[in-house]
Amino acid sequence: MNSLFFLSKKRIFAIYFIVFVIIVIGVNIGTRVVNEYYEKKIFEQENLEFMELFFHLMEYSDEDVALESAIHFGHTNNTAFKIMKNGEQLIVSDREPSIATTYYNLLNNDEYIFEIDNAKSTTTIIRDDEVFFINIIVFSSFTIVILYFLYSRRRRGVRTIHDIKLIQKLLDSREECKNEFEFHEFHQIYHDVLHNLETIDLLMQKRIDNQNALVHDLKTPITILKHHLQEDESIIKNKDAIIQSLNDLTMIATDLVSEEYQNIHIKLNITNIVVKEAEKYIQTFKTKNIKMNIDVTPDLYISFNKRDLSRVLQNLLTNAYYYSFNDSVVDIQLHKGEQNVILIISNNGEKMTESLIKTIFDKKRSDKKIENHTNGLGLHFTKLLLENAGARIEASSDNLGNHFRVEFPMKDKY
């Protein structure tokens, strides 16, 4: 997959132009350096070989042959030269040497002076026309690269629009996409956005669930108040329970509208809280002549949010009230396990079926047998609150009644 990361267009042009200039300058300077080196090293060798050949022909042939050979050398290499013998001019090439190198030599007591001018010599490694063609090749290559760059930039715009439209389409359907994007950056952007949207959806659903749980929990203190107020003579006697229920209403309403509510867990004495919450229901249970047996081990500690623990206990006790037969018993047991604190609330009512036990904590399950009571929501929210604190709940049923068992991670007393 292609990458969307490139430098800006101006910078790309600037880089290409600088590279082009560097290559052209490098080719021309390199050519000059190479040729100058060749002239200094090779010309010297060629001049010496020219004189050796001249003297060889003078010695083994005659002077006329040697002079003809010198003229041929000058024509072939475009070299100007002049040969002097004993101070008199012997031969001059077609051109007089202008910037000449002078050599001396003796043959048969005759002094020969050579003046050789290599200024216009064709003996070079890289000629000017070759340098010209190299420059043409470099310029053509540069032009091709620029044209390809412009084409790719235009194509990139088309592919970018394609990827943006694809993101819009996929976000509408929330589909997974693997290889349809032109650029891998858009592929990553889509997956990041999709992940964030899914996280937002989960947070929104959690917020809705929490609000529904708080609204559901409003019923509990209202029910307690209703049962206390139904008996006129018990209003003063049960004043503390009534005030506590009103406080619970206020707290739930505050949590419902507050944006600052935080689920902070602290160490709690669960024994005291269980006893306190159970006492609130004594009068309510009397309306169905239900007896409450409380058997708790003192000073057991757990880590939990105090408000949420009250909500858990209220939901379980409310459930026990609604689903108990009249004139029955609700047992509340709290004791220490090997590594946890175990709470069991049992009621005598219609025996739960296996299918009901499997779905009793589901969000969509709601028991309509009790008018105006949606038990499924209460138990569902109870399970969420417990799991959020590392606790677990399970339901069971036997001939002795229906049981809800909660296991809390135990906290040391100190």
Protein backbone atom coordinates (compact mmCIF):
# COMPACT_ATOMS: atom_id res chain seq x y z
CA MET A 1 0.00 0.00 0.00
CA ASN A 2 1.23 3.46 -0.86
CA SER A 3 2.18 6.15 1.61
CA LEU A 4 0.62 9.59 1.74
CA PHE A 5 3.71 11.18 3.28
CA PHE A 6 5.59 13.42 0.88
CA LEU A 7 7.29 16.78 1.12
CA SER A 8 5.45 19.84 -0.18
CA LYS A 9 5.46 20.53 -3.90
CA LYS A 10 7.77 23.55 -3.57
CA ARG A 11 10.29 21.59 -1.58
CA ILE A 12 10.21 18.73 -4.06
CA PHE A 13 10.91 21.11 -6.93
CA ALA A 14 13.70 22.77 -4.96
CA ILE A 15 15.31 19.42 -4.17
CA TYR A 16 15.09 18.23 -7.78
CA PHE A 17 16.52 21.51 -9.08
CA ILE A 18 19.41 21.41 -6.61
CA VAL A 19 20.15 17.79 -7.55
CA PHE A 20 20.04 18.71 -11.23
CA VAL A 21 22.45 21.63 -10.76
CA ILE A 22 24.79 19.49 -8.68
CA ILE A 23 24.85 16.76 -11.34
CA VAL A 24 25.51 19.22 -14.20
CA ILE A 25 28.26 21.02 -12.30
CA GLY A 26 29.70 17.71 -11.18
CA VAL A 27 29.81 16.33 -14.74
CA ASN A 28 31.52 19.40 -16.15
CA ILE A 29 33.99 19.87 -13.31
CA GLY A 30 34.70 16.15 -13.31
CA THR A 31 35.39 16.22 -17.03
CA ARG A 32 37.81 19.15 -16.67
CA VAL A 33 39.64 17.52 -13.77
CA VAL A 34 40.00 14.24 -15.63
CA ASN A 35 41.22 15.91 -18.82
CA GLU A 36 43.71 18.12 -16.99
CA TYR A 37 45.09 15.10 -15.21
CA TYR A 38 45.32 13.28 -18.54
CA GLU A 39 47.08 16.25 -20.17
CA LYS A 40 49.66 16.51 -17.42
CA LYS A 41 50.44 12.84 -17.24
CA ILE A 42 49.70 11.46 -20.66
CA PHE A 43 50.80 14.38 -22.85
CA GLU A 44 54.24 14.27 -21.29
CA GLN A 45 54.51 10.60 -22.12
CA GLU A 46 53.26 11.08 -25.68
CA ASN A 47 55.71 13.93 -26.34
CA LEU A 48 58.63 11.79 -25.16
CA GLU A 49 57.46 8.90 -27.31
CA PHE A 50 57.17 11.30 -30.28
CA MET A 51 60.82 12.35 -29.87
CA GLU A 52 61.98 8.77 -29.42
CA LEU A 53 60.24 7.79 -32.66
CA PHE A 54 61.76 10.81 -34.45
CA PHE A 55 65.32 9.96 -33.36
CA HIS A 56 64.77 6.29 -34.09
CA LEU A 57 63.87 7.13 -37.69
CA MET A 58 66.79 9.58 -37.90
CA GLU A 59 69.18 6.88 -36.80
CA TYR A 60 67.89 3.90 -38.73
CA SER A 61 66.36 5.63 -41.76
CA ASP A 62 66.98 9.20 -42.82
CA GLU A 63 66.01 12.73 -41.88
CA ASP A 64 63.29 13.07 -44.51
CA VAL A 65 61.44 10.01 -43.20
CA ALA A 66 61.69 11.32 -39.64
CA LEU A 67 60.31 14.72 -40.68
CA GLU A 68 57.42 13.10 -42.56
CA SER A 69 56.60 11.07 -39.48
CA ALA A 70 56.60 14.26 -37.35
CA ILE A 71 54.19 15.98 -39.75
CA HIS A 72 51.93 12.94 -39.64
CA PHE A 73 51.99 13.00 -35.81
CA GLY A 74 51.00 16.69 -35.78
CA HIS A 75 48.06 16.12 -38.14
CA THR A 76 46.85 13.05 -36.27
CA ASN A 77 46.92 14.62 -32.78
CA ASN A 78 46.24 18.24 -33.79
CA THR A 79 49.51 19.14 -32.13
CA ALA A 80 51.65 22.14 -33.10
CA PHE A 81 55.42 21.67 -32.97
CA LYS A 82 58.75 23.14 -34.17
CA ILE A 83 62.07 21.31 -34.41
CA MET A 84 65.38 23.21 -34.31
CA LYS A 85 68.78 21.65 -35.27
CA ASN A 86 71.89 23.38 -34.00
CA GLY A 87 70.00 26.64 -33.66
CA GLU A 88 68.51 26.51 -37.17
CA GLN A 89 64.88 25.73 -37.85
CA LEU A 90 64.46 22.26 -39.23
CA ILE A 91 60.67 21.93 -39.56
CA VAL A 92 57.48 23.63 -38.37
CA SER A 93 53.97 22.10 -38.26
CA ASP A 94 50.96 23.72 -39.89
CA ARG A 95 50.60 25.95 -36.83
CA GLU A 96 53.27 27.79 -34.91
CA PRO A 97 53.38 26.62 -31.28
CA SER A 98 51.92 29.35 -29.03
CA ILE A 99 52.18 27.80 -25.57
CA ALA A 100 54.93 25.28 -26.10
CA THR A 101 56.85 22.86 -23.92
CA THR A 102 60.54 22.76 -24.82
CA TYR A 103 62.63 19.58 -24.93
CA TYR A 104 66.37 19.20 -25.62
CA ASN A 105 68.23 16.20 -27.00
CA LEU A 106 71.52 15.28 -28.71
CA LEU A 107 72.15 12.93 -31.61
CA ASN A 108 75.58 12.47 -33.20
CA ASN A 109 76.76 15.69 -31.51
CA ASP A 110 73.87 17.58 -33.08
CA GLU A 111 71.58 19.51 -30.73
CA TYR A 112 67.86 19.17 -31.37
CA ILE A 113 65.29 21.43 -29.70
CA PHE A 114 61.61 20.43 -29.75
CA GLU A 115 58.85 22.94 -29.02
CA ILE A 116 55.52 21.05 -28.70
CA ASP A 117 52.14 22.72 -28.17
CA ASN A 118 49.34 20.37 -27.00
CA ALA A 119 46.78 23.14 -26.39
CA LYS A 120 44.50 21.95 -29.20
CA SER A 121 45.36 18.30 -29.02
CA THR A 122 42.52 15.85 -29.54
CA THR A 123 44.15 13.39 -27.21
CA THR A 124 41.64 13.62 -24.31
CA ILE A 125 39.54 11.07 -22.42
CA ILE A 126 36.23 12.97 -22.65
CA ARG A 127 35.70 15.39 -25.52
CA ASP A 128 33.48 18.49 -25.46
CA ASP A 129 30.78 16.94 -27.61
CA GLU A 130 30.62 14.01 -25.23
CA VAL A 131 30.21 16.40 -22.32
CA PHE A 132 27.40 18.12 -24.24
CA PHE A 133 25.57 14.81 -24.74
CA ILE A 134 25.98 13.97 -21.07
CA ASN A 135 24.39 17.29 -20.16
CA ILE A 136 21.52 16.57 -22.55
CA ILE A 137 20.96 13.16 -20.93
CA VAL A 138 20.99 14.68 -17.44
CA PHE A 139 18.54 17.41 -18.47
CA SER A 140 16.22 14.88 -20.14
CA SER A 141 16.26 12.64 -17.10
CA PHE A 142 15.49 15.61 -14.88
CA THR A 143 12.55 16.58 -17.11
CA ILE A 144 11.16 13.03 -17.04
CA VAL A 145 11.39 12.92 -13.25
CA ILE A 146 9.58 16.27 -12.94
CA LEU A 147 6.80 15.14 -15.28
CA TYR A 148 6.41 11.89 -13.35
CA PHE A 149 6.31 13.83 -10.08
CA LEU A 150 3.55 16.11 -11.39
CA TYR A 151 1.60 13.09 -12.63
CA SER A 152 1.97 11.24 -9.33
CA ARG A 153 0.88 14.35 -7.40
CA ARG A 154 -2.26 14.55 -9.50
CA ARG A 155 -2.93 10.86 -9.06
CA ARG A 156 -2.37 11.21 -5.34
CA GLY A 157 -5.16 13.79 -5.15
CA VAL A 158 -7.54 11.40 -6.92
CA ARG A 159 -6.59 8.51 -4.63
CA THR A 160 -6.92 10.72 -1.53
CA ILE A 161 -10.49 11.65 -2.51
CA HIS A 162 -11.19 7.97 -3.08
CA ASP A 163 -9.97 7.06 0.41
CA ILE A 164 -11.94 9.87 2.08
CA LYS A 165 -15.16 8.74 0.37
CA LEU A 166 -14.39 5.15 1.35
CA ILE A 167 -13.99 6.18 5.00
CA GLN A 168 -17.36 7.95 4.90
CA LYS A 169 -19.00 4.89 3.36
CA LEU A 170 -17.47 2.43 5.81
CA LEU A 171 -18.28 4.59 8.84
CA ASP A 172 -21.93 4.62 7.80
CA SER A 173 -22.01 0.82 7.74
CA ARG A 174 -19.32 0.24 10.43
CA GLU A 175 -17.68 -2.39 8.24
CA GLU A 176 -14.16 -3.77 8.45
CA CYS A 177 -11.84 -2.97 5.54
CA LYS A 178 -8.50 -4.58 4.78
CA ASN A 179 -7.09 -3.72 1.35
CA GLU A 180 -9.44 -1.26 -0.36
CA PHE A 181 -7.58 1.90 0.64
CA GLU A 182 -4.98 3.46 -1.65
CA PHE A 183 -2.88 4.82 1.25
CA HIS A 184 -2.14 2.92 4.44
CA GLU A 185 -2.47 6.13 6.49
CA PHE A 186 -6.20 6.30 5.64
CA HIS A 187 -6.52 2.62 6.50
CA GLN A 188 -5.06 3.34 9.95
CA ILE A 189 -7.20 6.48 10.35
CA TYR A 190 -10.34 4.48 9.62
CA HIS A 191 -9.51 1.79 12.17
CA ASP A 192 -8.64 4.42 14.81
CA VAL A 193 -11.89 6.32 14.20
CA LEU A 194 -13.90 3.08 14.22
CA HIS A 195 -12.28 2.02 17.50
CA ASN A 196 -13.01 5.43 19.06
CA LEU A 197 -16.64 5.31 17.90
CA GLU A 198 -17.07 1.85 19.37
CA THR A 199 -15.56 3.09 22.64
CA ILE A 200 -17.95 6.05 22.65
CA ASP A 201 -20.89 3.71 22.00
CA LEU A 202 -19.84 1.53 24.94
CA LEU A 203 -19.48 4.57 27.20
CA MET A 204 -22.87 5.89 26.12
CA GLN A 205 -24.46 2.50 26.73
CA LYS A 206 -22.79 2.30 30.13
CA ARG A 207 -24.07 5.77 30.97
CA ILE A 208 -27.59 4.82 29.91
CA ASP A 209 -27.39 1.61 31.95
CA ASN A 210 -26.21 3.56 34.98
CA GLN A 211 -29.04 6.06 34.64
CA ASN A 212 -31.56 3.25 34.23
CA ALA A 213 -30.14 1.57 37.32
CA LEU A 214 -30.46 4.77 39.37
CA VAL A 215 -34.04 5.29 38.18
CA HIS A 216 -34.77 1.68 39.05
CA ASP A 217 -33.26 2.14 42.50
CA LEU A 218 -35.64 5.02 43.20
CA LYS A 219 -38.36 2.46 43.75
CA THR A 220 -36.70 0.92 46.78
CA PRO A 221 -36.77 3.89 49.21
CA ILE A 222 -40.21 4.85 47.87
CA THR A 223 -41.49 1.37 48.69
CA ILE A 224 -40.01 1.55 52.18
CA LEU A 225 -41.59 4.97 52.78
CA LYS A 226 -44.94 3.71 51.51
CA HIS A 227 -45.00 0.77 53.89
CA HIS A 228 -43.96 2.88 56.87
CA LEU A 229 -46.56 5.55 56.11
CA GLN A 230 -49.35 3.00 55.70
CA GLU A 231 -49.23 2.37 59.46
CA ASP A 232 -49.96 5.67 61.24
CA GLU A 233 -48.85 4.44 64.67
CA SER A 234 -45.44 3.38 63.32
CA ILE A 235 -44.43 6.73 61.80
CA ILE A 236 -42.72 8.06 64.91
CA LYS A 237 -41.39 4.65 65.86
CA ASN A 238 -39.78 4.17 62.46
CA LYS A 239 -38.69 7.77 62.00
CA ASP A 240 -35.02 6.81 61.44
CA ALA A 241 -35.88 4.38 58.65
CA ILE A 242 -38.10 6.97 56.99
CA ILE A 243 -35.40 9.66 57.17
CA GLN A 244 -32.82 7.22 55.80
CA SER A 245 -35.10 6.38 52.87
CA LEU A 246 -35.54 10.07 52.14
CA ASN A 247 -31.76 10.47 52.21
CA ASP A 248 -31.45 7.56 49.80
CA LEU A 249 -33.90 9.27 47.45
CA THR A 250 -31.87 12.46 47.59
CA MET A 251 -28.60 10.61 46.95
CA ILE A 252 -29.98 8.65 44.00
CA ALA A 253 -31.42 11.80 42.45
CA THR A 254 -28.06 13.53 42.93
CA ASP A 255 -26.20 10.65 41.25
CA LEU A 256 -28.70 10.70 38.42
CA VAL A 257 -28.10 14.32 37.44
CA SER A 258 -24.48 14.67 38.56
CA GLU A 259 -21.66 14.68 36.01
CA GLU A 260 -19.06 14.36 38.77
CA TYR A 261 -20.16 11.02 40.23
CA GLN A 262 -17.16 8.68 40.44
CA ASN A 263 -17.21 5.02 41.32
CA ILE A 264 -14.45 5.03 43.96
CA HIS A 265 -13.92 1.88 46.03
CA ILE A 266 -12.95 2.10 49.68
CA LYS A 267 -12.58 -0.39 52.53
CA LEU A 268 -15.99 -1.03 54.13
CA ASN A 269 -17.29 -3.00 57.09
CA ILE A 270 -19.81 -5.07 55.16
CA THR A 271 -21.22 -6.60 58.34
CA ASN A 272 -22.48 -3.25 59.60
CA ILE A 273 -23.85 -2.24 56.18
CA VAL A 274 -25.75 -5.52 55.68
CA VAL A 275 -27.38 -5.24 59.12
CA LYS A 276 -28.24 -1.58 58.53
CA GLU A 277 -29.83 -2.21 55.11
CA ALA A 278 -31.75 -5.24 56.41
CA GLU A 279 -33.26 -3.22 59.24
CA LYS A 280 -34.76 -0.81 56.70
CA TYR A 281 -36.87 -3.69 55.31
CA ILE A 282 -38.27 -5.02 58.58
CA GLN A 283 -41.45 -2.98 58.32
CA THR A 284 -41.78 -3.68 54.59
CA PHE A 285 -41.47 -7.43 55.13
CA LYS A 286 -44.18 -7.27 57.82
CA THR A 287 -46.73 -6.24 55.17
CA LYS A 288 -46.49 -9.84 53.88
CA ASN A 289 -45.80 -11.26 57.33
CA ILE A 290 -42.31 -12.27 56.23
CA LYS A 291 -39.85 -13.02 58.97
CA MET A 292 -36.20 -11.99 58.52
CA ASN A 293 -33.40 -14.13 59.96
CA ILE A 294 -30.01 -12.37 60.05
CA ASP A 295 -26.88 -14.41 60.70
CA VAL A 296 -23.69 -12.41 60.14
CA THR A 297 -20.06 -12.71 61.19
CA PRO A 298 -18.85 -9.46 62.81
CA ASP A 299 -16.20 -7.18 61.39
CA LEU A 300 -15.84 -8.47 57.83
CA TYR A 301 -14.26 -6.01 55.40
CA ILE A 302 -14.38 -5.63 51.62
CA SER A 303 -13.38 -3.00 49.05
CA PHE A 304 -16.46 -1.45 47.43
CA ASN A 305 -18.21 1.80 46.66
CA LYS A 306 -20.49 2.44 49.64
CA ARG A 307 -23.39 3.75 47.57
CA ASP A 308 -23.16 0.87 45.11
CA LEU A 309 -23.03 -1.70 47.91
CA SER A 310 -26.27 -0.26 49.30
CA ARG A 311 -27.82 -0.52 45.83
CA VAL A 312 -26.78 -4.17 45.57
CA LEU A 313 -28.27 -5.05 48.96
CA GLN A 314 -31.45 -3.09 48.27
CA ASN A 315 -31.99 -4.87 44.94
CA LEU A 316 -31.45 -8.30 46.49
CA LEU A 317 -33.73 -7.58 49.47
CA THR A 318 -36.41 -6.07 47.22
CA ASN A 319 -36.25 -9.15 45.02
CA ALA A 320 -36.60 -11.37 48.09
CA TYR A 321 -39.65 -9.38 49.22
CA TYR A 322 -41.49 -9.54 45.90
CA TYR A 323 -40.83 -13.22 45.28
CA SER A 324 -41.48 -14.59 48.76
CA PHE A 325 -44.71 -16.25 49.80
CA ASN A 326 -46.74 -14.60 52.55
CA ASP A 327 -45.94 -15.88 56.02
CA SER A 328 -42.50 -17.11 54.90
CA VAL A 329 -38.89 -16.51 55.98
CA VAL A 330 -35.98 -14.63 54.34
CA ASP A 331 -32.54 -15.74 55.49
CA ILE A 332 -29.57 -13.38 55.34
CA GLN A 333 -26.19 -15.01 55.96
CA LEU A 334 -22.79 -13.33 55.89
CA HIS A 335 -19.66 -15.28 56.70
CA LYS A 336 -15.98 -15.55 55.90
CA GLY A 337 -14.76 -17.92 53.19
CA GLU A 338 -11.21 -19.05 52.49
CA GLN A 339 -10.28 -15.94 50.51
CA ASN A 340 -13.56 -14.05 50.26
CA VAL A 341 -16.64 -12.81 52.07
CA ILE A 342 -19.82 -14.74 51.21
CA LEU A 343 -23.31 -13.23 51.34
CA ILE A 344 -26.34 -15.51 50.83
CA ILE A 345 -29.91 -14.19 50.69
CA SER A 346 -32.55 -16.94 50.53
CA ASN A 347 -36.31 -16.64 50.23
CA ASN A 348 -39.23 -19.08 50.23
CA GLY A 349 -41.18 -18.58 47.02
CA GLU A 350 -41.99 -20.22 43.75
CA LYS A 351 -39.03 -22.40 42.79
CA MET A 352 -36.93 -20.99 39.95
CA THR A 353 -36.57 -23.17 36.84
CA GLU A 354 -33.23 -24.01 35.26
CA SER A 355 -33.98 -21.79 32.24
CA LEU A 356 -34.89 -18.89 34.54
CA ILE A 357 -31.67 -19.29 36.54
CA LYS A 358 -29.62 -19.09 33.30
CA THR A 359 -31.23 -15.80 32.23
CA ILE A 360 -32.11 -14.19 35.55
CA PHE A 361 -29.28 -11.61 35.30
CA ASP A 362 -29.90 -10.75 31.64
CA LYS A 363 -30.78 -7.17 30.83
CA LYS A 364 -33.78 -7.96 28.61
CA ARG A 365 -35.43 -10.38 31.06
CA SER A 366 -38.24 -8.80 33.02
CA ASP A 367 -40.71 -10.68 35.18
CA LYS A 368 -44.24 -9.36 34.60
CA LYS A 369 -45.86 -11.51 37.27
CA ILE A 370 -45.42 -8.74 39.81
CA GLU A 371 -47.32 -5.63 38.77
CA ASN A 372 -45.13 -2.58 38.11
CA HIS A 373 -41.99 -4.57 38.95
CA THR A 374 -39.15 -5.20 36.49
CA ASN A 375 -37.01 -7.62 38.45
CA GLY A 376 -34.76 -8.36 35.47
CA LEU A 377 -33.33 -4.85 35.44
CA GLY A 378 -32.57 -4.81 39.15
CA LEU A 379 -30.66 -8.09 39.09
CA HIS A 380 -28.89 -7.11 35.87
CA PHE A 381 -27.64 -3.87 37.40
CA THR A 382 -26.70 -5.74 40.58
CA LYS A 383 -24.48 -8.08 38.60
CA LEU A 384 -22.81 -5.15 36.78
CA LEU A 385 -22.06 -3.36 40.04
CA LEU A 386 -20.60 -6.51 41.57
CA GLU A 387 -18.44 -7.40 38.56
CA ASN A 388 -17.11 -3.85 38.47
CA ALA A 389 -15.70 -4.42 41.96
CA GLY A 390 -14.33 -7.90 41.26
CA ALA A 391 -17.21 -9.72 42.99
CA ARG A 392 -19.46 -12.40 41.52
CA ILE A 393 -23.08 -13.47 41.98
CA GLU A 394 -24.93 -16.66 41.19
CA ALA A 395 -28.49 -17.87 41.62
CA SER A 396 -29.72 -21.33 42.59
CA SER A 397 -32.91 -23.01 43.70
CA ASP A 398 -33.73 -26.16 45.69
CA ASN A 399 -36.41 -27.52 47.96
CA LEU A 400 -35.33 -25.14 50.72
CA GLY A 401 -35.92 -22.02 48.60
CA ASN A 402 -34.29 -19.65 46.13
CA HIS A 403 -30.77 -18.49 46.87
CA PHE A 404 -28.57 -15.61 45.70
CA ARG A 405 -24.91 -16.10 46.59
CA VAL A 406 -22.43 -13.21 46.34
CA GLU A 407 -18.67 -13.61 46.78
CA PHE A 408 -16.71 -10.43 47.61
CA PRO A 409 -12.89 -10.25 47.55
CA MET A 410 -11.96 -10.00 51.22
CA LYS A 411 -10.10 -6.97 52.58
CA ASP A 412 -7.91 -7.18 55.67
CA LYS A 413 -9.27 -5.50 58.75
CA TYR A 414 -6.18 -3.31 59.14
